[in-house]
């Protein structure tokens, strides 16, 4: 959390910071503008609640067994857990783009 505190301090000093992250904690920093790159390469600004890492984290926390069953069943294929871009193709609310 000390990194988040330092980033928040830098923002108050009018610094511009660009961070590539999947962390819902960093995405929640005050005054953050969140950009999401879609599979087709388009870039959109999204709200915190719309951000894919936030949606996936909430879905996982709401029903972890839905995600973990793919690990314990021995099915470790990339298709069952998500694609190379980090999006999960499983669980409630598959997120193609948005």
N, C-alpha and C. Protein backbone atom coordinates (compact mmCIF):
# COMPACT_ATOMS: atom_id res chain seq x y z
N UNK A 1 0.82 -1.20 0.00
CA UNK A 1 0.00 0.00 0.00
C UNK A 1 0.86 1.26 0.00
N UNK A 2 2.13 1.14 0.37
CA UNK A 2 2.98 2.32 0.36
C UNK A 2 3.17 2.85 -1.07
N UNK A 3 3.16 1.94 -2.04
CA UNK A 3 3.26 2.39 -3.44
C UNK A 3 2.02 3.20 -3.82
N UNK A 4 0.86 2.74 -3.41
CA UNK A 4 -0.38 3.46 -3.71
C UNK A 4 -0.37 4.83 -3.05
N UNK A 5 0.13 4.90 -1.83
CA UNK A 5 0.21 6.18 -1.13
C UNK A 5 1.12 7.13 -1.89
N UNK A 6 2.26 6.63 -2.35
CA UNK A 6 3.21 7.48 -3.08
C UNK A 6 2.61 7.95 -4.40
N UNK A 7 1.90 7.06 -5.09
CA UNK A 7 1.26 7.46 -6.34
C UNK A 7 0.22 8.55 -6.10
N UNK A 8 -0.55 8.41 -5.03
CA UNK A 8 -1.55 9.43 -4.70
C UNK A 8 -0.87 10.77 -4.40
N UNK A 9 0.26 10.73 -3.71
CA UNK A 9 1.02 11.96 -3.44
C UNK A 9 1.49 12.61 -4.73
N UNK A 10 1.99 11.81 -5.64
CA UNK A 10 2.48 12.35 -6.92
C UNK A 10 1.35 13.02 -7.71
N UNK A 11 0.16 12.45 -7.63
CA UNK A 11 -0.98 13.05 -8.33
C UNK A 11 -1.28 14.43 -7.76
N UNK A 12 -1.20 14.57 -6.43
CA UNK A 12 -1.45 15.89 -5.83
C UNK A 12 -0.39 16.90 -6.24
N UNK A 13 0.76 16.41 -6.70
CA UNK A 13 1.83 17.30 -7.18
C UNK A 13 1.73 17.51 -8.69
N UNK A 14 0.58 17.12 -9.25
CA UNK A 14 0.28 17.30 -10.68
C UNK A 14 1.17 16.48 -11.59
N UNK A 15 1.64 15.34 -11.10
CA UNK A 15 2.41 14.43 -11.94
C UNK A 15 1.46 13.57 -12.75
N UNK A 16 1.86 13.26 -13.95
CA UNK A 16 1.11 12.34 -14.77
C UNK A 16 1.81 10.99 -14.71
N UNK A 17 1.04 9.95 -14.43
CA UNK A 17 1.62 8.61 -14.25
C UNK A 17 0.88 7.65 -15.17
N UNK A 18 1.64 6.85 -15.89
CA UNK A 18 1.05 5.83 -16.75
C UNK A 18 1.47 4.48 -16.20
N UNK A 19 0.48 3.64 -15.89
CA UNK A 19 0.75 2.33 -15.30
C UNK A 19 -0.07 1.29 -16.05
N UNK A 20 0.55 0.21 -16.45
CA UNK A 20 -0.17 -0.93 -17.01
C UNK A 20 -0.34 -1.93 -15.86
N UNK A 21 -1.58 -2.24 -15.52
CA UNK A 21 -1.81 -3.10 -14.37
C UNK A 21 -3.10 -3.89 -14.52
N UNK A 22 -3.16 -4.99 -13.79
CA UNK A 22 -4.40 -5.75 -13.63
C UNK A 22 -4.88 -5.64 -12.19
N UNK A 23 -4.28 -4.79 -11.41
CA UNK A 23 -4.58 -4.67 -9.99
C UNK A 23 -5.80 -3.79 -9.75
N UNK A 24 -6.88 -4.36 -9.21
CA UNK A 24 -8.04 -3.53 -8.86
C UNK A 24 -7.68 -2.46 -7.82
N UNK A 25 -6.67 -2.73 -6.98
CA UNK A 25 -6.26 -1.73 -5.99
C UNK A 25 -5.67 -0.50 -6.66
N UNK A 26 -4.79 -0.70 -7.62
CA UNK A 26 -4.20 0.45 -8.32
C UNK A 26 -5.24 1.15 -9.20
N UNK A 27 -6.14 0.37 -9.79
CA UNK A 27 -7.18 0.98 -10.62
C UNK A 27 -8.10 1.88 -9.79
N UNK A 28 -8.18 1.63 -8.49
CA UNK A 28 -9.08 2.38 -7.61
C UNK A 28 -8.48 3.70 -7.11
N UNK A 29 -7.25 4.00 -7.48
CA UNK A 29 -6.64 5.23 -7.00
C UNK A 29 -7.49 6.44 -7.40
N UNK A 30 -7.63 7.40 -6.50
CA UNK A 30 -8.43 8.60 -6.82
C UNK A 30 -7.91 9.30 -8.07
N UNK A 31 -8.83 9.76 -8.87
CA UNK A 31 -8.55 10.53 -10.09
C UNK A 31 -7.93 9.71 -11.21
N UNK A 32 -7.96 8.39 -11.09
CA UNK A 32 -7.39 7.54 -12.15
C UNK A 32 -8.29 7.58 -13.38
N UNK A 33 -7.68 7.66 -14.52
CA UNK A 33 -8.37 7.45 -15.79
C UNK A 33 -7.96 6.07 -16.25
N UNK A 34 -8.96 5.20 -16.46
CA UNK A 34 -8.67 3.81 -16.80
C UNK A 34 -8.95 3.59 -18.28
N UNK A 35 -7.94 3.12 -18.99
CA UNK A 35 -8.08 2.78 -20.39
C UNK A 35 -8.02 1.26 -20.54
N UNK A 36 -8.86 0.75 -21.39
CA UNK A 36 -8.88 -0.68 -21.64
C UNK A 36 -8.68 -0.91 -23.13
N UNK A 37 -7.78 -1.82 -23.46
CA UNK A 37 -7.50 -2.15 -24.86
C UNK A 37 -8.28 -3.41 -25.21
N UNK A 38 -9.17 -3.28 -26.17
CA UNK A 38 -10.00 -4.41 -26.59
C UNK A 38 -9.21 -5.34 -27.50
N UNK A 39 -9.76 -6.52 -27.72
CA UNK A 39 -9.09 -7.50 -28.57
C UNK A 39 -8.86 -6.99 -29.99
N UNK A 40 -9.71 -6.08 -30.47
CA UNK A 40 -9.55 -5.54 -31.81
C UNK A 40 -8.59 -4.35 -31.85
N UNK A 41 -8.01 -4.01 -30.68
CA UNK A 41 -7.03 -2.93 -30.63
C UNK A 41 -7.59 -1.57 -30.29
N UNK A 42 -8.91 -1.45 -30.21
CA UNK A 42 -9.48 -0.16 -29.84
C UNK A 42 -9.22 0.12 -28.36
N UNK A 43 -9.09 1.40 -28.06
CA UNK A 43 -8.82 1.82 -26.68
C UNK A 43 -9.99 2.67 -26.21
N UNK A 44 -10.56 2.26 -25.09
CA UNK A 44 -11.69 2.98 -24.50
C UNK A 44 -11.37 3.34 -23.07
N UNK A 45 -11.87 4.50 -22.62
CA UNK A 45 -11.78 4.76 -21.19
C UNK A 45 -13.01 4.15 -20.54
N UNK A 46 -12.80 3.52 -19.40
CA UNK A 46 -13.87 2.81 -18.70
C UNK A 46 -13.89 3.26 -17.24
N UNK A 47 -15.02 3.05 -16.61
CA UNK A 47 -15.11 3.33 -15.18
C UNK A 47 -14.47 2.19 -14.41
N UNK A 48 -14.25 2.42 -13.14
CA UNK A 48 -13.67 1.37 -12.29
C UNK A 48 -14.54 0.12 -12.34
N UNK A 49 -15.84 0.27 -12.21
CA UNK A 49 -16.74 -0.88 -12.20
C UNK A 49 -16.78 -1.60 -13.54
N UNK A 50 -16.47 -0.92 -14.63
CA UNK A 50 -16.45 -1.55 -15.95
C UNK A 50 -15.12 -2.23 -16.27
N UNK A 51 -14.07 -1.90 -15.54
CA UNK A 51 -12.74 -2.44 -15.84
C UNK A 51 -12.71 -3.96 -15.67
N UNK A 52 -12.17 -4.64 -16.66
CA UNK A 52 -12.14 -6.10 -16.67
C UNK A 52 -11.52 -6.72 -15.42
N UNK A 53 -10.37 -6.23 -14.93
CA UNK A 53 -9.82 -6.83 -13.71
C UNK A 53 -10.76 -6.74 -12.51
N UNK A 54 -11.51 -5.66 -12.43
CA UNK A 54 -12.45 -5.48 -11.32
C UNK A 54 -13.61 -6.47 -11.47
N UNK A 55 -14.14 -6.58 -12.68
CA UNK A 55 -15.26 -7.51 -12.90
C UNK A 55 -14.84 -8.95 -12.65
N UNK A 56 -13.66 -9.33 -13.12
CA UNK A 56 -13.19 -10.70 -12.91
C UNK A 56 -12.94 -11.00 -11.44
N UNK A 57 -12.36 -10.03 -10.74
CA UNK A 57 -12.11 -10.22 -9.30
C UNK A 57 -13.43 -10.39 -8.55
N UNK A 58 -14.40 -9.55 -8.86
CA UNK A 58 -15.70 -9.67 -8.19
C UNK A 58 -16.37 -11.00 -8.50
N UNK A 59 -16.31 -11.41 -9.75
CA UNK A 59 -16.90 -12.71 -10.11
C UNK A 59 -16.19 -13.85 -9.38
N UNK A 60 -14.88 -13.79 -9.33
CA UNK A 60 -14.13 -14.84 -8.63
C UNK A 60 -14.50 -14.87 -7.15
N UNK A 61 -14.53 -13.72 -6.51
CA UNK A 61 -14.84 -13.68 -5.08
C UNK A 61 -16.27 -14.12 -4.80
N UNK A 62 -17.18 -13.87 -5.73
CA UNK A 62 -18.57 -14.28 -5.54
C UNK A 62 -18.74 -15.79 -5.69
N UNK A 63 -17.91 -16.41 -6.53
CA UNK A 63 -18.06 -17.84 -6.78
C UNK A 63 -16.72 -18.47 -7.19
N UNK A 64 -15.80 -18.58 -6.24
CA UNK A 64 -14.46 -19.09 -6.58
C UNK A 64 -14.47 -20.50 -7.17
N UNK A 65 -15.39 -21.32 -6.75
CA UNK A 65 -15.41 -22.70 -7.25
C UNK A 65 -15.65 -22.75 -8.75
N UNK A 66 -16.33 -21.78 -9.27
CA UNK A 66 -16.59 -21.75 -10.71
C UNK A 66 -15.29 -21.60 -11.51
N UNK A 67 -14.32 -20.91 -10.93
CA UNK A 67 -13.03 -20.72 -11.58
C UNK A 67 -12.05 -21.84 -11.21
N UNK A 68 -12.03 -22.19 -9.94
CA UNK A 68 -11.04 -23.15 -9.45
C UNK A 68 -11.31 -24.57 -9.91
N UNK A 69 -12.53 -24.87 -10.28
CA UNK A 69 -12.83 -26.25 -10.71
C UNK A 69 -11.99 -26.64 -11.91
N UNK A 70 -11.61 -25.69 -12.72
CA UNK A 70 -10.78 -25.98 -13.90
C UNK A 70 -9.37 -26.39 -13.50
N UNK A 71 -8.93 -25.92 -12.34
CA UNK A 71 -7.60 -26.30 -11.86
C UNK A 71 -7.64 -27.66 -11.19
N UNK A 72 -8.65 -27.90 -10.38
CA UNK A 72 -8.70 -29.16 -9.64
C UNK A 72 -9.17 -30.32 -10.51
N UNK A 73 -9.86 -30.03 -11.61
CA UNK A 73 -10.28 -31.08 -12.53
C UNK A 73 -9.12 -31.55 -13.41
N UNK A 74 -7.98 -30.86 -13.31
CA UNK A 74 -6.83 -31.23 -14.13
C UNK A 74 -6.88 -30.65 -15.52
N UNK A 75 -7.87 -29.83 -15.81
CA UNK A 75 -7.99 -29.20 -17.12
C UNK A 75 -7.21 -27.90 -17.08
N UNK A 76 -5.98 -27.93 -17.58
CA UNK A 76 -5.15 -26.74 -17.52
C UNK A 76 -4.97 -26.07 -18.87
N UNK A 77 -5.90 -26.30 -19.77
CA UNK A 77 -5.78 -25.68 -21.10
C UNK A 77 -6.02 -24.19 -21.01
N UNK A 78 -5.37 -23.45 -21.87
CA UNK A 78 -5.52 -21.99 -21.88
C UNK A 78 -6.95 -21.59 -22.17
N UNK A 79 -7.65 -22.37 -22.96
CA UNK A 79 -9.03 -22.01 -23.31
C UNK A 79 -9.94 -22.04 -22.09
N UNK A 80 -9.67 -22.92 -21.13
CA UNK A 80 -10.57 -23.01 -19.99
C UNK A 80 -10.34 -21.91 -18.97
N UNK A 81 -9.13 -21.37 -18.89
CA UNK A 81 -8.84 -20.35 -17.90
C UNK A 81 -8.76 -18.95 -18.48
N UNK A 82 -8.68 -18.81 -19.76
CA UNK A 82 -8.63 -17.49 -20.36
C UNK A 82 -7.66 -17.47 -21.51
N UNK A 83 -7.62 -16.34 -22.18
CA UNK A 83 -6.71 -16.23 -23.31
C UNK A 83 -5.44 -15.52 -22.90
N UNK A 84 -4.55 -15.31 -23.82
CA UNK A 84 -3.26 -14.71 -23.51
C UNK A 84 -3.39 -13.29 -22.98
N UNK A 85 -4.49 -12.63 -23.29
CA UNK A 85 -4.70 -11.27 -22.81
C UNK A 85 -5.16 -11.19 -21.38
N UNK A 86 -5.37 -12.34 -20.74
CA UNK A 86 -5.72 -12.33 -19.34
C UNK A 86 -7.20 -12.34 -19.05
N UNK A 87 -8.05 -12.40 -20.06
CA UNK A 87 -9.47 -12.42 -19.79
C UNK A 87 -9.93 -13.85 -19.60
N UNK A 88 -10.83 -14.05 -18.68
CA UNK A 88 -11.34 -15.40 -18.42
C UNK A 88 -12.53 -15.67 -19.33
N UNK A 89 -12.54 -16.84 -19.94
CA UNK A 89 -13.65 -17.23 -20.80
C UNK A 89 -14.63 -18.11 -20.05
N UNK A 90 -14.58 -18.06 -18.73
CA UNK A 90 -15.43 -18.90 -17.91
C UNK A 90 -16.12 -18.04 -16.87
N UNK A 91 -17.01 -18.65 -16.17
CA UNK A 91 -17.65 -17.96 -15.05
C UNK A 91 -18.84 -17.15 -15.49
N UNK A 92 -19.56 -16.62 -14.51
CA UNK A 92 -20.76 -15.84 -14.81
C UNK A 92 -20.39 -14.58 -15.57
N UNK A 93 -21.03 -14.34 -16.67
CA UNK A 93 -20.79 -13.12 -17.42
C UNK A 93 -19.51 -13.13 -18.19
N UNK A 94 -19.39 -13.97 -19.22
CA UNK A 94 -18.21 -13.96 -20.10
C UNK A 94 -18.09 -12.56 -20.66
N UNK A 95 -16.89 -12.02 -20.71
CA UNK A 95 -16.69 -10.63 -21.08
C UNK A 95 -15.99 -10.48 -22.41
N UNK A 96 -16.71 -10.65 -23.50
CA UNK A 96 -16.08 -10.39 -24.80
C UNK A 96 -16.04 -8.89 -25.04
N UNK A 97 -14.88 -8.32 -24.90
CA UNK A 97 -14.79 -6.86 -25.01
C UNK A 97 -15.40 -6.22 -23.80
N UNK A 98 -16.65 -5.77 -23.92
CA UNK A 98 -17.34 -5.16 -22.78
C UNK A 98 -18.76 -5.57 -22.74
